[in-house]
Amino acid sequence: MNITRETAETVALQCLAWLAGNEDLLPVFMGATGVSESELREQAQDPVFLGSVLDFLLMDDAWIIACCEAQGLDPQLPMQARAALPGGEQVNWT
């Protein structure tokens, strides 16, 4: 199922909100990306940054499941949202 970019950004913002409220995982994300708290707020409207939030959460099934449960999202939705944001396109090398 394809989703619109607007829907993808909404899903990513929901995931970012969950991440921002996670005291254990937020510092890991900030350390991995080098983003500061102020940059986190500033870049929340940037589709590329939102893609990086989804990339991070999708690295671990437990993270994405916890996020989806907390936000009431279908567990497949973040991956679909990632594909709809910049940099999420499937690359076909053939």
PDB file of N, CA and C in Angstrom:
ATOM      1  N   MET A   1       0.835  -1.178   0.000  1.00  0.00           N
ATOM      2  CA  MET A   1       0.000   0.000   0.000  1.00  0.00           C
ATOM      3  C   MET A   1       0.881   1.243   0.000  1.00  0.00           C
ATOM      4  N   ASN A   2       0.608   2.153  -0.897  1.00  0.00           N
ATOM      5  CA  ASN A   2       1.338   3.411  -0.947  1.00  0.00           C
ATOM      6  C   ASN A   2       0.594   4.454  -0.126  1.00  0.00           C
ATOM      7  N   ILE A   3       1.355   5.271   0.579  1.00  0.00           N
ATOM      8  CA  ILE A   3       0.741   6.347   1.350  1.00  0.00           C
ATOM      9  C   ILE A   3       1.261   7.676   0.820  1.00  0.00           C
ATOM     10  N   THR A   4       0.529   8.729   1.083  1.00  0.00           N
ATOM     11  CA  THR A   4       0.953  10.047   0.618  1.00  0.00           C
ATOM     12  C   THR A   4       2.117  10.545   1.458  1.00  0.00           C
ATOM     13  N   ARG A   5       2.811  11.506   0.904  1.00  0.00           N
ATOM     14  CA  ARG A   5       3.932  12.087   1.638  1.00  0.00           C
ATOM     15  C   ARG A   5       3.435  12.793   2.898  1.00  0.00           C
ATOM     16  N   GLU A   6       2.278  13.422   2.804  1.00  0.00           N
ATOM     17  CA  GLU A   6       1.708  14.101   3.971  1.00  0.00           C
ATOM     18  C   GLU A   6       1.417  13.094   5.095  1.00  0.00           C
ATOM     19  N   THR A   7       0.846  11.962   4.742  1.00  0.00           N
ATOM     20  CA  THR A   7       0.580  10.914   5.729  1.00  0.00           C
ATOM     21  C   THR A   7       1.890  10.382   6.295  1.00  0.00           C
ATOM     22  N   ALA A   8       2.876  10.200   5.432  1.00  0.00           N
ATOM     23  CA  ALA A   8       4.185   9.715   5.869  1.00  0.00           C
ATOM     24  C   ALA A   8       4.814  10.685   6.877  1.00  0.00           C
ATOM     25  N   GLU A   9       4.709  11.968   6.613  1.00  0.00           N
ATOM     26  CA  GLU A   9       5.268  12.956   7.535  1.00  0.00           C
ATOM     27  C   GLU A   9       4.529  12.928   8.868  1.00  0.00           C
ATOM     28  N   THR A  10       3.225  12.732   8.828  1.00  0.00           N
ATOM     29  CA  THR A  10       2.435  12.643  10.060  1.00  0.00           C
ATOM     30  C   THR A  10       2.859  11.431  10.888  1.00  0.00           C
ATOM     31  N   VAL A  11       3.025  10.296  10.228  1.00  0.00           N
ATOM     32  CA  VAL A  11       3.471   9.079  10.915  1.00  0.00           C
ATOM     33  C   VAL A  11       4.855   9.306  11.526  1.00  0.00           C
ATOM     34  N   ALA A  12       5.751   9.906  10.758  1.00  0.00           N
ATOM     35  CA  ALA A  12       7.107  10.158  11.250  1.00  0.00           C
ATOM     36  C   ALA A  12       7.084  11.116  12.442  1.00  0.00           C
ATOM     37  N   LEU A  13       6.213  12.107  12.414  1.00  0.00           N
ATOM     38  CA  LEU A  13       6.094  13.028  13.554  1.00  0.00           C
ATOM     39  C   LEU A  13       5.572  12.299  14.789  1.00  0.00           C
ATOM     40  N   GLN A  14       4.651  11.363  14.599  1.00  0.00           N
ATOM     41  CA  GLN A  14       4.172  10.565  15.723  1.00  0.00           C
ATOM     42  C   GLN A  14       5.316   9.731  16.307  1.00  0.00           C
ATOM     43  N   CYS A  15       6.126   9.178  15.439  1.00  0.00           N
ATOM     44  CA  CYS A  15       7.284   8.397  15.894  1.00  0.00           C
ATOM     45  C   CYS A  15       8.304   9.298  16.593  1.00  0.00           C
ATOM     46  N   LEU A  16       8.512  10.487  16.063  1.00  0.00           N
ATOM     47  CA  LEU A  16       9.428  11.431  16.699  1.00  0.00           C
ATOM     48  C   LEU A  16       8.921  11.829  18.082  1.00  0.00           C
ATOM     49  N   ALA A  17       7.620  12.048  18.212  1.00  0.00           N
ATOM     50  CA  ALA A  17       7.043  12.391  19.513  1.00  0.00           C
ATOM     51  C   ALA A  17       7.277  11.264  20.516  1.00  0.00           C
ATOM     52  N   TRP A  18       7.089  10.031  20.073  1.00  0.00           N
ATOM     53  CA  TRP A  18       7.348   8.890  20.953  1.00  0.00           C
ATOM     54  C   TRP A  18       8.821   8.838  21.346  1.00  0.00           C
ATOM     55  N   LEU A  19       9.688   9.026  20.362  1.00  0.00           N
ATOM     56  CA  LEU A  19      11.124   8.992  20.614  1.00  0.00           C
ATOM     57  C   LEU A  19      11.536  10.093  21.587  1.00  0.00           C
ATOM     58  N   ALA A  20      10.990  11.282  21.406  1.00  0.00           N
ATOM     59  CA  ALA A  20      11.331  12.404  22.280  1.00  0.00           C
ATOM     60  C   ALA A  20      10.920  12.151  23.726  1.00  0.00           C
ATOM     61  N   GLY A  21       9.883  11.346  23.918  1.00  0.00           N
ATOM     62  CA  GLY A  21       9.433  11.020  25.262  1.00  0.00           C
ATOM     63  C   GLY A  21      10.106   9.799  25.862  1.00  0.00           C
ATOM     64  N   ASN A  22      10.978   9.174  25.115  1.00  0.00           N
ATOM     65  CA  ASN A  22      11.664   7.971  25.586  1.00  0.00           C
ATOM     66  C   ASN A  22      13.030   8.365  26.140  1.00  0.00           C
ATOM     67  N   GLU A  23      13.131   8.404  27.462  1.00  0.00           N
ATOM     68  CA  GLU A  23      14.350   8.885  28.123  1.00  0.00           C
ATOM     69  C   GLU A  23      15.566   8.008  27.868  1.00  0.00           C
ATOM     70  N   ASP A  24      15.339   6.729  27.564  1.00  0.00           N
ATOM     71  CA  ASP A  24      16.461   5.828  27.304  1.00  0.00           C
ATOM     72  C   ASP A  24      16.935   5.893  25.864  1.00  0.00           C
ATOM     73  N   LEU A  25      16.006   5.984  24.939  1.00  0.00           N
ATOM     74  CA  LEU A  25      16.345   5.891  23.519  1.00  0.00           C
ATOM     75  C   LEU A  25      16.699   7.231  22.887  1.00  0.00           C
ATOM     76  N   LEU A  26      16.112   8.313  23.372  1.00  0.00           N
ATOM     77  CA  LEU A  26      16.388   9.630  22.780  1.00  0.00           C
ATOM     78  C   LEU A  26      17.879   9.966  22.794  1.00  0.00           C
ATOM     79  N   PRO A  27      18.603   9.756  23.908  1.00  0.00           N
ATOM     80  CA  PRO A  27      20.042  10.054  23.880  1.00  0.00           C
ATOM     81  C   PRO A  27      20.816   9.198  22.873  1.00  0.00           C
ATOM     82  N   VAL A  28      20.355   7.971  22.649  1.00  0.00           N
ATOM     83  CA  VAL A  28      21.010   7.101  21.662  1.00  0.00           C
ATOM     84  C   VAL A  28      20.824   7.695  20.269  1.00  0.00           C
ATOM     85  N   PHE A  29      19.596   8.132  19.959  1.00  0.00           N
ATOM     86  CA  PHE A  29      19.312   8.765  18.672  1.00  0.00           C
ATOM     87  C   PHE A  29      20.142  10.036  18.510  1.00  0.00           C
ATOM     88  N   MET A  30      20.159  10.864  19.538  1.00  0.00           N
ATOM     89  CA  MET A  30      20.898  12.122  19.454  1.00  0.00           C
ATOM     90  C   MET A  30      22.395  11.869  19.290  1.00  0.00           C
ATOM     91  N   GLY A  31      22.900  10.866  19.964  1.00  0.00           N
ATOM     92  CA  GLY A  31      24.318  10.535  19.823  1.00  0.00           C
ATOM     93  C   GLY A  31      24.641   9.973  18.449  1.00  0.00           C
ATOM     94  N   ALA A  32      23.751   9.163  17.927  1.00  0.00           N
ATOM     95  CA  ALA A  32      23.977   8.548  16.614  1.00  0.00           C
ATOM     96  C   ALA A  32      23.900   9.569  15.491  1.00  0.00           C
ATOM     97  N   THR A  33      23.024  10.562  15.637  1.00  0.00           N
ATOM     98  CA  THR A  33      22.828  11.539  14.569  1.00  0.00           C
ATOM     99  C   THR A  33      23.608  12.829  14.792  1.00  0.00           C
ATOM    100  N   GLY A  34      23.994  13.086  16.032  1.00  0.00           N
ATOM    101  CA  GLY A  34      24.692  14.330  16.339  1.00  0.00           C
ATOM    102  C   GLY A  34      23.762  15.524  16.460  1.00  0.00           C
ATOM    103  N   VAL A  35      22.460  15.288  16.504  1.00  0.00           N
ATOM    104  CA  VAL A  35      21.478  16.364  16.588  1.00  0.00           C
ATOM    105  C   VAL A  35      21.347  16.835  18.034  1.00  0.00           C
ATOM    106  N   SER A  36      21.226  18.134  18.213  1.00  0.00           N
ATOM    107  CA  SER A  36      21.011  18.706  19.543  1.00  0.00           C
ATOM    108  C   SER A  36      19.511  18.822  19.798  1.00  0.00           C
ATOM    109  N   GLU A  37      19.141  19.152  21.039  1.00  0.00           N
ATOM    110  CA  GLU A  37      17.720  19.326  21.355  1.00  0.00           C
ATOM    111  C   GLU A  37      17.094  20.428  20.517  1.00  0.00           C
ATOM    112  N   SER A  38      17.795  21.533  20.356  1.00  0.00           N
ATOM    113  CA  SER A  38      17.219  22.632  19.565  1.00  0.00           C
ATOM    114  C   SER A  38      17.101  22.238  18.094  1.00  0.00           C
ATOM    115  N   GLU A  39      18.080  21.517  17.580  1.00  0.00           N
ATOM    116  CA  GLU A  39      18.008  21.055  16.190  1.00  0.00           C
ATOM    117  C   GLU A  39      16.883  20.037  16.004  1.00  0.00           C
ATOM    118  N   LEU A  40      16.640  19.244  17.041  1.00  0.00           N
ATOM    119  CA  LEU A  40      15.556  18.270  16.991  1.00  0.00           C
ATOM    120  C   LEU A  40      14.226  18.975  16.750  1.00  0.00           C
ATOM    121  N   ARG A  41      14.009  20.076  17.453  1.00  0.00           N
ATOM    122  CA  ARG A  41      12.776  20.846  17.280  1.00  0.00           C
ATOM    123  C   ARG A  41      12.746  21.533  15.910  1.00  0.00           C
ATOM    124  N   GLU A  42      13.868  22.124  15.520  1.00  0.00           N
ATOM    125  CA  GLU A  42      13.939  22.863  14.257  1.00  0.00           C
ATOM    126  C   GLU A  42      13.728  21.953  13.050  1.00  0.00           C
ATOM    127  N   GLN A  43      14.277  20.770  13.105  1.00  0.00           N
ATOM    128  CA  GLN A  43      14.250  19.878  11.941  1.00  0.00           C
ATOM    129  C   GLN A  43      13.020  18.979  11.890  1.00  0.00           C
ATOM    130  N   ALA A  44      12.139  19.114  12.860  1.00  0.00           N
ATOM    131  CA  ALA A  44      10.953  18.253  12.908  1.00  0.00           C
ATOM    132  C   ALA A  44      10.051  18.426  11.687  1.00  0.00           C
ATOM    133  N   GLN A  45      10.206  19.510  10.958  1.00  0.00           N
ATOM    134  CA  GLN A  45       9.389  19.729   9.760  1.00  0.00           C
ATOM    135  C   GLN A  45      10.124  19.349   8.473  1.00  0.00           C
ATOM    136  N   ASP A  46      11.357  18.882   8.595  1.00  0.00           N
ATOM    137  CA  ASP A  46      12.160  18.514   7.435  1.00  0.00           C
ATOM    138  C   ASP A  46      11.911  17.041   7.079  1.00  0.00           C
ATOM    139  N   PRO A  47      11.362  16.766   5.904  1.00  0.00           N
ATOM    140  CA  PRO A  47      11.079  15.377   5.522  1.00  0.00           C
ATOM    141  C   PRO A  47      12.315  14.472   5.522  1.00  0.00           C
ATOM    142  N   VAL A  48      13.468  15.021   5.206  1.00  0.00           N
ATOM    143  CA  VAL A  48      14.695  14.214   5.221  1.00  0.00           C
ATOM    144  C   VAL A  48      15.025  13.806   6.655  1.00  0.00           C
ATOM    145  N   PHE A  49      14.910  14.744   7.584  1.00  0.00           N
ATOM    146  CA  PHE A  49      15.159  14.442   8.991  1.00  0.00           C
ATOM    147  C   PHE A  49      14.143  13.423   9.504  1.00  0.00           C
ATOM    148  N   LEU A  50      12.892  13.601   9.132  1.00  0.00           N
ATOM    149  CA  LEU A  50      11.858  12.658   9.562  1.00  0.00           C
ATOM    150  C   LEU A  50      12.170  11.248   9.044  1.00  0.00           C
ATOM    151  N   GLY A  51      12.732  11.176   7.855  1.00  0.00           N
ATOM    152  CA  GLY A  51      13.168   9.880   7.333  1.00  0.00           C
ATOM    153  C   GLY A  51      14.247   9.264   8.200  1.00  0.00           C
ATOM    154  N   SER A  52      15.157  10.103   8.717  1.00  0.00           N
ATOM    155  CA  SER A  52      16.224   9.580   9.580  1.00  0.00           C
ATOM    156  C   SER A  52      15.664   9.076  10.904  1.00  0.00           C
ATOM    157  N   VAL A  53      14.597   9.703  11.379  1.00  0.00           N
ATOM    158  CA  VAL A  53      13.939   9.226  12.602  1.00  0.00           C
ATOM    159  C   VAL A  53      13.394   7.817  12.358  1.00  0.00           C
ATOM    160  N   LEU A  54      12.710   7.650  11.241  1.00  0.00           N
ATOM    161  CA  LEU A  54      12.163   6.328  10.914  1.00  0.00           C
ATOM    162  C   LEU A  54      13.270   5.313  10.669  1.00  0.00           C
ATOM    163  N   ASP A  55      14.340   5.713   9.980  1.00  0.00           N
ATOM    164  CA  ASP A  55      15.472   4.807   9.762  1.00  0.00           C
ATOM    165  C   ASP A  55      16.003   4.294  11.094  1.00  0.00           C
ATOM    166  N   PHE A  56      16.152   5.206  12.051  1.00  0.00           N
ATOM    167  CA  PHE A  56      16.674   4.841  13.358  1.00  0.00           C
ATOM    168  C   PHE A  56      15.747   3.844  14.059  1.00  0.00           C
ATOM    169  N   LEU A  57      14.479   4.177  14.135  1.00  0.00           N
ATOM    170  CA  LEU A  57      13.546   3.300  14.845  1.00  0.00           C
ATOM    171  C   LEU A  57      13.388   1.948  14.166  1.00  0.00           C
ATOM    172  N   LEU A  58      13.457   1.929  12.852  1.00  0.00           N
ATOM    173  CA  LEU A  58      13.293   0.679  12.110  1.00  0.00           C
ATOM    174  C   LEU A  58      14.497  -0.252  12.228  1.00  0.00           C
ATOM    175  N   MET A  59      15.566   0.214  12.857  1.00  0.00           N
ATOM    176  CA  MET A  59      16.735  -0.648  13.060  1.00  0.00           C
ATOM    177  C   MET A  59      16.458  -1.763  14.068  1.00  0.00           C
ATOM    178  N   ASP A  60      15.466  -1.567  14.932  1.00  0.00           N
ATOM    179  CA  ASP A  60      15.208  -2.549  15.982  1.00  0.00           C
ATOM    180  C   ASP A  60      13.706  -2.830  16.062  1.00  0.00           C
ATOM    181  N   ASP A  61      13.348  -4.086  15.890  1.00  0.00           N
ATOM    182  CA  ASP A  61      11.927  -4.448  15.928  1.00  0.00           C
ATOM    183  C   ASP A  61      11.274  -4.043  17.246  1.00  0.00           C
ATOM    184  N   ALA A  62      11.975  -4.196  18.341  1.00  0.00           N
ATOM    185  CA  ALA A  62      11.399  -3.861  19.651  1.00  0.00           C
ATOM    186  C   ALA A  62      11.075  -2.375  19.732  1.00  0.00           C
ATOM    187  N   TRP A  63      11.928  -1.532  19.157  1.00  0.00           N
ATOM    188  CA  TRP A  63      11.687  -0.081  19.194  1.00  0.00           C
ATOM    189  C   TRP A  63      10.438   0.263  18.393  1.00  0.00           C
ATOM    190  N   ILE A  64      10.352  -0.268  17.192  1.00  0.00           N
ATOM    191  CA  ILE A  64       9.239   0.103  16.322  1.00  0.00           C
ATOM    192  C   ILE A  64       7.930  -0.466  16.850  1.00  0.00           C
ATOM    193  N   ILE A  65       7.979  -1.656  17.422  1.00  0.00           N
ATOM    194  CA  ILE A  65       6.766  -2.238  18.006  1.00  0.00           C
ATOM    195  C   ILE A  65       6.305  -1.409  19.202  1.00  0.00           C
ATOM    196  N   ALA A  66       7.229  -1.029  20.068  1.00  0.00           N
ATOM    197  CA  ALA A  66       6.872  -0.206  21.234  1.00  0.00           C
ATOM    198  C   ALA A  66       6.294   1.134  20.797  1.00  0.00           C
ATOM    199  N   CYS A  67       6.903   1.733  19.799  1.00  0.00           N
ATOM    200  CA  CYS A  67       6.431   3.015  19.281  1.00  0.00           C
ATOM    201  C   CYS A  67       5.025   2.872  18.711  1.00  0.00           C
ATOM    202  N   CYS A  68       4.819   1.869  17.888  1.00  0.00           N
ATOM    203  CA  CYS A  68       3.511   1.671  17.248  1.00  0.00           C
ATOM    204  C   CYS A  68       2.428   1.372  18.275  1.00  0.00           C
ATOM    205  N   GLU A  69       2.752   0.562  19.262  1.00  0.00           N
ATOM    206  CA  GLU A  69       1.779   0.264  20.309  1.00  0.00           C
ATOM    207  C   GLU A  69       1.403   1.531  21.070  1.00  0.00           C
ATOM    208  N   ALA A  70       2.398   2.326  21.411  1.00  0.00           N
ATOM    209  CA  ALA A  70       2.156   3.554  22.175  1.00  0.00           C
ATOM    210  C   ALA A  70       1.368   4.581  21.370  1.00  0.00           C
ATOM    211  N   GLN A  71       1.612   4.641  20.057  1.00  0.00           N
ATOM    212  CA  GLN A  71       0.982   5.649  19.212  1.00  0.00           C
ATOM    213  C   GLN A  71      -0.259   5.130  18.487  1.00  0.00           C
ATOM    214  N   GLY A  72      -0.588   3.866  18.685  1.00  0.00           N
ATOM    215  CA  GLY A  72      -1.765   3.298  18.034  1.00  0.00           C
ATOM    216  C   GLY A  72      -1.614   3.153  16.533  1.00  0.00           C
ATOM    217  N   LEU A  73      -0.408   2.853  16.094  1.00  0.00           N
ATOM    218  CA  LEU A  73      -0.123   2.712  14.660  1.00  0.00           C
ATOM    219  C   LEU A  73      -0.014   1.244  14.276  1.00  0.00           C
ATOM    220  N   ASP A  74      -0.404   0.947  13.048  1.00  0.00           N
ATOM    221  CA  ASP A  74      -0.163  -0.378  12.494  1.00  0.00           C
ATOM    222  C   ASP A  74       1.354  -0.541  12.381  1.00  0.00           C
ATOM    223  N   PRO A  75       1.914  -1.675  12.817  1.00  0.00           N
ATOM    224  CA  PRO A  75       3.373  -1.852  12.786  1.00  0.00           C
ATOM    225  C   PRO A  75       4.001  -1.769  11.390  1.00  0.00           C
ATOM    226  N   GLN A  76       3.210  -1.923  10.330  1.00  0.00           N
ATOM    227  CA  GLN A  76       3.732  -1.808   8.964  1.00  0.00           C
ATOM    228  C   GLN A  76       3.802  -0.354   8.492  1.00  0.00           C
ATOM    229  N   LEU A  77       3.081   0.518   9.160  1.00  0.00           N
ATOM    230  CA  LEU A  77       2.962   1.902   8.704  1.00  0.00           C
ATOM    231  C   LEU A  77       4.287   2.673   8.708  1.00  0.00           C
ATOM    232  N   PRO A  78       5.145   2.547   9.712  1.00  0.00           N
ATOM    233  CA  PRO A  78       6.410   3.292   9.664  1.00  0.00           C
ATOM    234  C   PRO A  78       7.287   2.927   8.457  1.00  0.00           C
ATOM    235  N   MET A  79       7.306   1.658   8.081  1.00  0.00           N
ATOM    236  CA  MET A  79       8.101   1.256   6.906  1.00  0.00           C
ATOM    237  C   MET A  79       7.493   1.849   5.642  1.00  0.00           C
ATOM    238  N   GLN A  80       6.178   1.853   5.555  1.00  0.00           N
ATOM    239  CA  GLN A  80       5.515   2.452   4.403  1.00  0.00           C
ATOM    240  C   GLN A  80       5.771   3.958   4.368  1.00  0.00           C
ATOM    241  N   ALA A  81       5.748   4.578   5.538  1.00  0.00           N
ATOM    242  CA  ALA A  81       6.021   6.017   5.620  1.00  0.00           C
ATOM    243  C   ALA A  81       7.452   6.299   5.192  1.00  0.00           C
ATOM    244  N   ARG A  82       8.372   5.447   5.603  1.00  0.00           N
ATOM    245  CA  ARG A  82       9.777   5.662   5.239  1.00  0.00           C
ATOM    246  C   ARG A  82       9.950   5.628   3.735  1.00  0.00           C
ATOM    247  N   ALA A  83       9.253   4.722   3.079  1.00  0.00           N
ATOM    248  CA  ALA A  83       9.364   4.603   1.620  1.00  0.00           C
ATOM    249  C   ALA A  83       8.818   5.837   0.912  1.00  0.00           C
ATOM    250  N   ALA A  84       7.895   6.559   1.553  1.00  0.00           N
ATOM    251  CA  ALA A  84       7.281   7.738   0.935  1.00  0.00           C
ATOM    252  C   ALA A  84       8.058   9.027   1.183  1.00  0.00           C
ATOM    253  N   LEU A  85       9.070   8.963   2.048  1.00  0.00           N
ATOM    254  CA  LEU A  85       9.865  10.156   2.347  1.00  0.00           C
ATOM    255  C   LEU A  85      11.160  10.150   1.542  1.00  0.00           C
ATOM    256  N   PRO A  86      11.808  11.314   1.383  1.00  0.00           N
ATOM    257  CA  PRO A  86      13.056  11.374   0.614  1.00  0.00           C
ATOM    258  C   PRO A  86      14.102  10.385   1.126  1.00  0.00           C
ATOM    259  N   GLY A  87      14.710   9.667   0.195  1.00  0.00           N
ATOM    260  CA  GLY A  87      15.739   8.694   0.545  1.00  0.00           C
ATOM    261  C   GLY A  87      15.202   7.312   0.840  1.00  0.00           C
ATOM    262  N   GLY A  88      13.888   7.154   0.822  1.00  0.00           N
ATOM    263  CA  GLY A  88      13.294   5.874   1.150  1.00  0.00           C
ATOM    264  C   GLY A  88      12.918   5.040  -0.043  1.00  0.00           C
ATOM    265  N   GLU A  89      13.247   5.521  -1.226  1.00  0.00           N
ATOM    266  CA  GLU A  89      12.886   4.804  -2.443  1.00  0.00           C
ATOM    267  C   GLU A  89      13.624   3.476  -2.515  1.00  0.00           C
ATOM    268  N   GLN A  90      12.967   2.480  -3.074  1.00  0.00           N
ATOM    269  CA  GLN A  90      13.608   1.191  -3.305  1.00  0.00           C
ATOM    270  C   GLN A  90      14.551   1.340  -4.490  1.00  0.00           C
ATOM    271  N   VAL A  91      15.780   0.894  -4.306  1.00  0.00           N
ATOM    272  CA  VAL A  91      16.768   0.988  -5.374  1.00  0.00           C
ATOM    273  C   VAL A  91      16.824  -0.353  -6.096  1.00  0.00           C
ATOM    274  N   ASN A  92      16.712  -0.298  -7.408  1.00  0.00           N
ATOM    275  CA  ASN A  92      16.807  -1.493  -8.232  1.00  0.00           C
ATOM    276  C   ASN A  92      18.108  -1.399  -9.020  1.00  0.00           C
ATOM    277  N   TRP A  93      19.057  -2.240  -8.681  1.00  0.00           N
ATOM    278  CA  TRP A  93      20.385  -2.156  -9.270  1.00  0.00           C
ATOM    279  C   TRP A  93      20.511  -2.947 -10.572  1.00  0.00           C
ATOM    280  N   THR A  94      19.444  -3.549 -11.032  1.00  0.00           N
ATOM    281  CA  THR A  94      19.568  -4.340 -12.257  1.00  0.00           C
ATOM    282  C   THR A  94      19.200  -3.552 -13.469  1.00  0.00           C
TER     283      THR A  94
END
